Protein backbone atom coordinates (compact mmCIF):
# COMPACT_ATOMS: atom_id res chain seq x y z
CA UNK A 1 0.22 0.03 -0.04
CA UNK A 2 1.03 3.48 -0.82
CA UNK A 3 0.11 6.48 1.44
CA UNK A 4 0.27 9.94 0.39
CA UNK A 5 -1.45 13.27 0.96
CA UNK A 6 -4.05 11.98 -1.72
CA UNK A 7 -4.62 8.91 0.07
CA UNK A 8 -4.14 5.36 0.48
CA UNK A 9 -3.34 3.34 -2.98
CA UNK A 10 -2.92 -0.26 -3.84
CA UNK A 11 -1.77 -1.63 -7.11
CA UNK A 12 -2.70 -5.12 -8.39
CA UNK A 13 -5.24 -7.96 -8.99
CA UNK A 14 -9.07 -7.72 -8.09
CA UNK A 15 -8.27 -9.52 -4.65
CA UNK A 16 -5.93 -6.69 -3.83
CA UNK A 17 -8.58 -4.14 -4.51
CA UNK A 18 -11.20 -6.17 -2.40
CA UNK A 19 -9.03 -6.38 0.41
CA UNK A 20 -7.78 -2.62 0.17
CA UNK A 21 -11.49 -1.70 0.76
CA UNK A 22 -11.91 -4.21 3.39
CA UNK A 23 -9.11 -3.10 5.43
CA UNK A 24 -10.27 0.63 5.12
CA UNK A 25 -13.69 -0.28 6.08
CA UNK A 26 -12.54 -2.48 9.11
CA UNK A 27 -10.47 0.40 10.14
CA UNK A 28 -13.26 3.05 9.61
CA UNK A 29 -15.32 0.65 11.72
CA UNK A 30 -13.01 0.34 14.55
CA UNK A 31 -12.91 4.25 15.05
CA UNK A 32 -16.99 3.94 15.52
CA UNK A 33 -17.63 5.67 12.14
CA UNK A 34 -20.34 3.45 11.67
CA UNK A 35 -22.23 4.09 15.00
CA UNK A 36 -24.35 7.03 15.13
CA UNK A 37 -24.03 7.33 19.11
CA UNK A 38 -20.24 7.46 18.73
CA UNK A 39 -18.24 10.61 19.02
CA UNK A 40 -18.44 11.58 15.31
CA UNK A 41 -22.18 10.83 15.35
CA UNK A 42 -24.83 10.30 12.63
CA UNK A 43 -22.41 13.05 10.50
CA UNK A 44 -20.51 10.12 9.06
CA UNK A 45 -22.87 6.86 10.05
CA UNK A 46 -24.98 7.36 7.01
CA UNK A 47 -21.79 8.10 4.70
CA UNK A 48 -20.18 5.13 6.04
CA UNK A 49 -23.08 3.07 4.78
CA UNK A 50 -22.82 4.48 1.51
CA UNK A 51 -19.19 3.88 1.41
CA UNK A 52 -19.64 -0.03 2.62
CA UNK A 53 -22.29 -0.44 -0.12
CA UNK A 54 -20.07 0.88 -2.79
CA UNK A 55 -16.87 -0.65 -1.95
CA UNK A 56 -15.93 -3.45 -4.54
CA UNK A 57 -16.48 -6.89 -3.31
CA UNK A 58 -15.17 -10.05 -4.11
CA UNK A 59 -17.96 -11.70 -6.38
CA UNK A 60 -18.23 -8.14 -8.29
CA UNK A 61 -16.87 -6.98 -11.51
CA UNK A 62 -15.50 -3.39 -12.23
CA UNK A 63 -17.52 -2.73 -15.58
CA UNK A 64 -20.95 -4.25 -14.31
CA UNK A 65 -21.54 -3.86 -10.40
CA UNK A 66 -18.77 -1.04 -9.73
CA UNK A 67 -20.02 0.95 -12.83
CA UNK A 68 -23.97 0.64 -11.55
CA UNK A 69 -23.03 1.47 -8.36
CA UNK A 70 -21.05 4.38 -9.55
CA UNK A 71 -23.89 5.84 -11.67
CA UNK A 72 -26.13 5.65 -8.82
CA UNK A 73 -24.44 7.35 -6.49
CA UNK A 74 -23.52 10.08 -8.84
CA UNK A 75 -27.01 10.51 -10.29
CA UNK A 76 -28.68 13.83 -9.80
CA UNK A 77 -30.33 14.13 -6.07
CA UNK A 78 -34.30 14.12 -5.58
CA UNK A 79 -36.34 17.02 -5.96
CA UNK A 80 -39.24 17.84 -3.29
CA UNK A 81 -42.05 15.99 -5.39
CA UNK A 82 -39.58 12.69 -5.42
CA UNK A 83 -38.81 13.08 -1.62
CA UNK A 84 -42.85 13.33 -1.07
CA UNK A 85 -42.73 10.26 -2.88
CA UNK A 86 -45.24 11.67 -5.61
CA UNK A 87 -44.89 10.88 -9.32
CA UNK A 88 -45.37 13.89 -11.96
CA UNK A 89 -48.59 12.87 -13.33
CA UNK A 90 -49.98 12.76 -9.65
CA UNK A 91 -48.73 16.50 -8.67
CA UNK A 92 -50.19 17.56 -12.36
CA UNK A 93 -53.76 15.77 -10.98
CA UNK A 94 -53.59 17.80 -7.82
CA UNK A 95 -52.84 20.91 -9.52
CA UNK A 96 -55.88 20.57 -11.78
CA UNK A 97 -57.77 19.88 -8.98
CA UNK A 98 -56.44 23.10 -7.18
CA UNK A 99 -57.23 25.28 -9.92
CA UNK A 100 -60.91 23.97 -10.29
CA UNK A 101 -61.32 24.91 -6.44
CA UNK A 102 -60.02 28.36 -7.39
CA UNK A 103 -62.51 28.98 -9.82
CA UNK A 104 -65.37 27.68 -7.63
CA UNK A 105 -64.05 29.94 -5.04
CA UNK A 106 -64.25 33.15 -7.30
CA UNK A 107 -67.69 32.20 -8.28
CA UNK A 108 -68.27 32.37 -4.44
CA UNK A 109 -66.31 35.71 -4.12
CA UNK A 110 -63.94 34.30 -2.11
CA UNK A 111 -60.89 35.73 -4.08
CA UNK A 112 -58.09 35.17 -1.38
CA UNK A 113 -59.04 31.29 -1.02
CA UNK A 114 -59.10 31.24 -4.84
CA UNK A 115 -55.73 33.16 -4.99
CA UNK A 116 -54.02 30.60 -2.57
CA UNK A 117 -55.36 27.63 -4.39
CA UNK A 118 -54.22 28.68 -7.77
CA UNK A 119 -50.60 29.54 -6.18
CA UNK A 120 -50.46 26.04 -4.97
CA UNK A 121 -51.56 24.41 -8.16
CA UNK A 122 -48.71 26.60 -9.78
CA UNK A 123 -46.39 25.09 -7.14
CA UNK A 124 -47.59 21.63 -8.10
CA UNK A 125 -46.90 22.26 -11.99
CA UNK A 126 -43.72 23.30 -10.94
CA UNK A 127 -43.09 20.32 -8.88
CA UNK A 128 -44.25 18.14 -11.47
CA UNK A 129 -41.83 19.61 -14.12
CA UNK A 130 -38.90 19.27 -11.67
CA UNK A 131 -39.72 15.88 -11.04
CA UNK A 132 -39.86 14.83 -14.70
CA UNK A 133 -36.88 16.75 -15.54
CA UNK A 134 -34.74 15.02 -12.95
CA UNK A 135 -36.07 11.66 -14.00
CA UNK A 136 -34.99 12.27 -17.62
CA UNK A 137 -31.84 13.48 -16.75
CA UNK A 138 -31.19 10.76 -14.58
CA UNK A 139 -31.72 8.34 -17.06
CA UNK A 140 -29.30 9.98 -19.52
CA UNK A 141 -26.74 10.22 -16.78
CA UNK A 142 -26.76 6.60 -16.18
CA UNK A 143 -26.24 5.61 -19.97
CA UNK A 144 -23.95 8.29 -20.59
CA UNK A 145 -22.15 7.63 -17.36
CA UNK A 146 -21.96 3.71 -17.68
CA UNK A 147 -21.53 3.88 -21.57
CA UNK A 148 -19.07 6.36 -22.15
CA UNK A 149 -17.56 8.37 -19.01
CA UNK A 150 -16.03 5.12 -17.40
CA UNK A 151 -14.00 4.95 -20.49
CA UNK A 152 -12.70 7.90 -20.20
CA UNK A 153 -12.43 8.32 -16.13
CA UNK A 154 -12.24 5.97 -13.22
CA UNK A 155 -14.79 4.75 -11.18
CA UNK A 156 -15.34 7.00 -8.39
CA UNK A 157 -17.12 7.35 -5.25
CA UNK A 158 -17.12 10.49 -2.93
CA UNK A 159 -19.30 11.75 0.13
CA UNK A 160 -18.38 13.69 3.10
CA UNK A 161 -16.41 10.60 4.71
CA UNK A 162 -14.79 9.15 1.49
CA UNK A 163 -13.29 10.04 -1.82
CA UNK A 164 -12.15 6.95 -3.80
CA UNK A 165 -11.31 5.67 -7.51
CA UNK A 166 -10.59 2.75 -9.07
CA UNK A 167 -8.55 2.42 -12.71
CA UNK A 168 -8.16 -0.62 -14.64
CA UNK A 169 -4.71 -0.64 -16.20
CA UNK A 170 -4.65 -3.71 -18.08
CA UNK A 171 -7.12 -6.43 -19.24
CA UNK A 172 -6.63 -10.28 -18.65
CA UNK A 173 -3.77 -11.43 -20.58
CA UNK A 174 -1.64 -8.21 -20.21
CA UNK A 175 1.47 -8.08 -18.47
CA UNK A 176 1.58 -5.82 -15.45
CA UNK A 177 -0.87 -4.69 -12.55
CA UNK A 178 -4.45 -4.66 -13.61
CA UNK A 179 -6.06 -2.10 -11.04
CA UNK A 180 -5.17 1.11 -8.94
CA UNK A 181 -7.34 1.96 -6.30
CA UNK A 182 -7.01 4.95 -3.98
CA UNK A 183 -9.18 5.68 -1.04
CA UNK A 184 -8.98 9.11 0.64
CA UNK A 185 -10.76 9.70 4.25
CA UNK A 186 -11.87 13.19 3.98
CA UNK A 187 -11.56 14.13 7.55
CA UNK A 188 -8.12 14.72 8.89
CA UNK A 189 -8.11 13.92 11.90
CA UNK A 190 -9.99 10.48 11.24
CA UNK A 191 -7.46 10.00 8.30
CA UNK A 192 -4.68 9.96 10.53
CA UNK A 193 -6.30 7.47 13.18
CA UNK A 194 -7.11 5.17 10.03
CA UNK A 195 -3.52 5.33 8.94
CA UNK A 196 -2.74 4.29 12.32
CA UNK A 197 -4.74 1.46 12.27
CA UNK A 198 -3.92 0.11 8.83
CA UNK A 199 -0.05 -0.05 9.98
CA UNK A 200 -1.73 -1.91 13.23
CA UNK A 201 -3.35 -4.37 10.82
CA UNK A 202 -0.36 -4.70 8.57
CA UNK A 203 1.79 -5.66 11.60
CA UNK A 204 -0.78 -8.18 13.01
CA UNK A 205 -0.51 -9.97 9.41
CA UNK A 206 2.89 -9.85 9.16
CA UNK A 207 3.48 -11.17 12.94
CA UNK A 208 1.01 -13.97 12.35
CA UNK A 209 3.28 -15.10 9.38
CA UNK A 210 6.53 -15.06 11.20
CA UNK A 211 5.13 -16.41 14.23
CA UNK A 212 2.75 -19.26 13.27
CA UNK A 213 3.98 -22.93 13.80
CA UNK A 214 3.44 -25.55 11.48
CA UNK A 215 1.97 -28.77 13.05
CA UNK A 216 4.64 -31.09 11.69
CA UNK A 217 3.70 -33.87 14.17
CA UNK A 218 0.33 -34.21 12.28
CA UNK A 219 2.32 -33.93 8.90
CA UNK A 220 4.65 -36.90 10.19
CA UNK A 221 1.75 -39.08 11.19
CA UNK A 222 -0.31 -38.38 7.98
CA UNK A 223 2.82 -38.92 5.55
CA UNK A 224 4.59 -41.72 7.47
CA UNK A 225 7.60 -39.87 7.45
CA UNK A 226 9.83 -37.48 9.47
CA UNK A 227 9.61 -33.82 9.08
CA UNK A 228 12.72 -32.13 7.26
CA UNK A 229 15.68 -31.03 9.42
CA UNK A 230 15.91 -27.25 10.47
CA UNK A 231 18.83 -25.44 9.28
CA UNK A 232 20.83 -23.20 11.65
CA UNK A 233 18.60 -20.12 10.90
CA UNK A 234 15.28 -21.98 11.48
CA UNK A 235 14.54 -22.74 7.74
CA UNK A 236 13.52 -26.21 6.43
CA UNK A 237 15.99 -28.23 4.57
CA UNK A 238 14.51 -29.54 1.21
CA UNK A 239 17.26 -31.85 0.28
CA UNK A 240 17.77 -35.25 1.14
């Protein structure tokens, strides 16, 4: 892993990309970012969930799964109508009802109420147009992003907590690295803590590789032979 001011970067096969995302997630979880009741509070809890959903998984592929998730998180946010759970045609219908009521109130000489309903009808028409426009733009965005932009730019993720991007540098059968995956923690204090935790994780893994002992007694019993003698430096001899 390479660490710089722009974040934590790895180069290699898909397994390295997945593992890097898992380690970052593990470090963030250790810092309590996932818990809305922790010191960081709800400020990062939702952002952590978004990151955990987007990060590359072992069973996924870059061009299908990560591409789709990137397009989803990059799409235009919902407008007032969508947040209210209303489709454009529902708002248009409501606007028509408001206009009808407005005319009825004019006939009853209730000009003030008629004006209020007329204004509301305009708001519903505007909200319907906004929702329809956002949906249309979102469809174009998804198509353009997945079919064009990912050919020109890396697959990326960005929110208050994490900024990340992954690029494919080689195809199957080509020589060299296949992917570059860079993840940055946007809060400087938290980034320092994550850096320390990643270093601890590396040390724990290295120590496990060094200190783990092979069960040579079991191997001898299974194979019916004696384990190879140790050399002075502790390594096993491979010659007879």
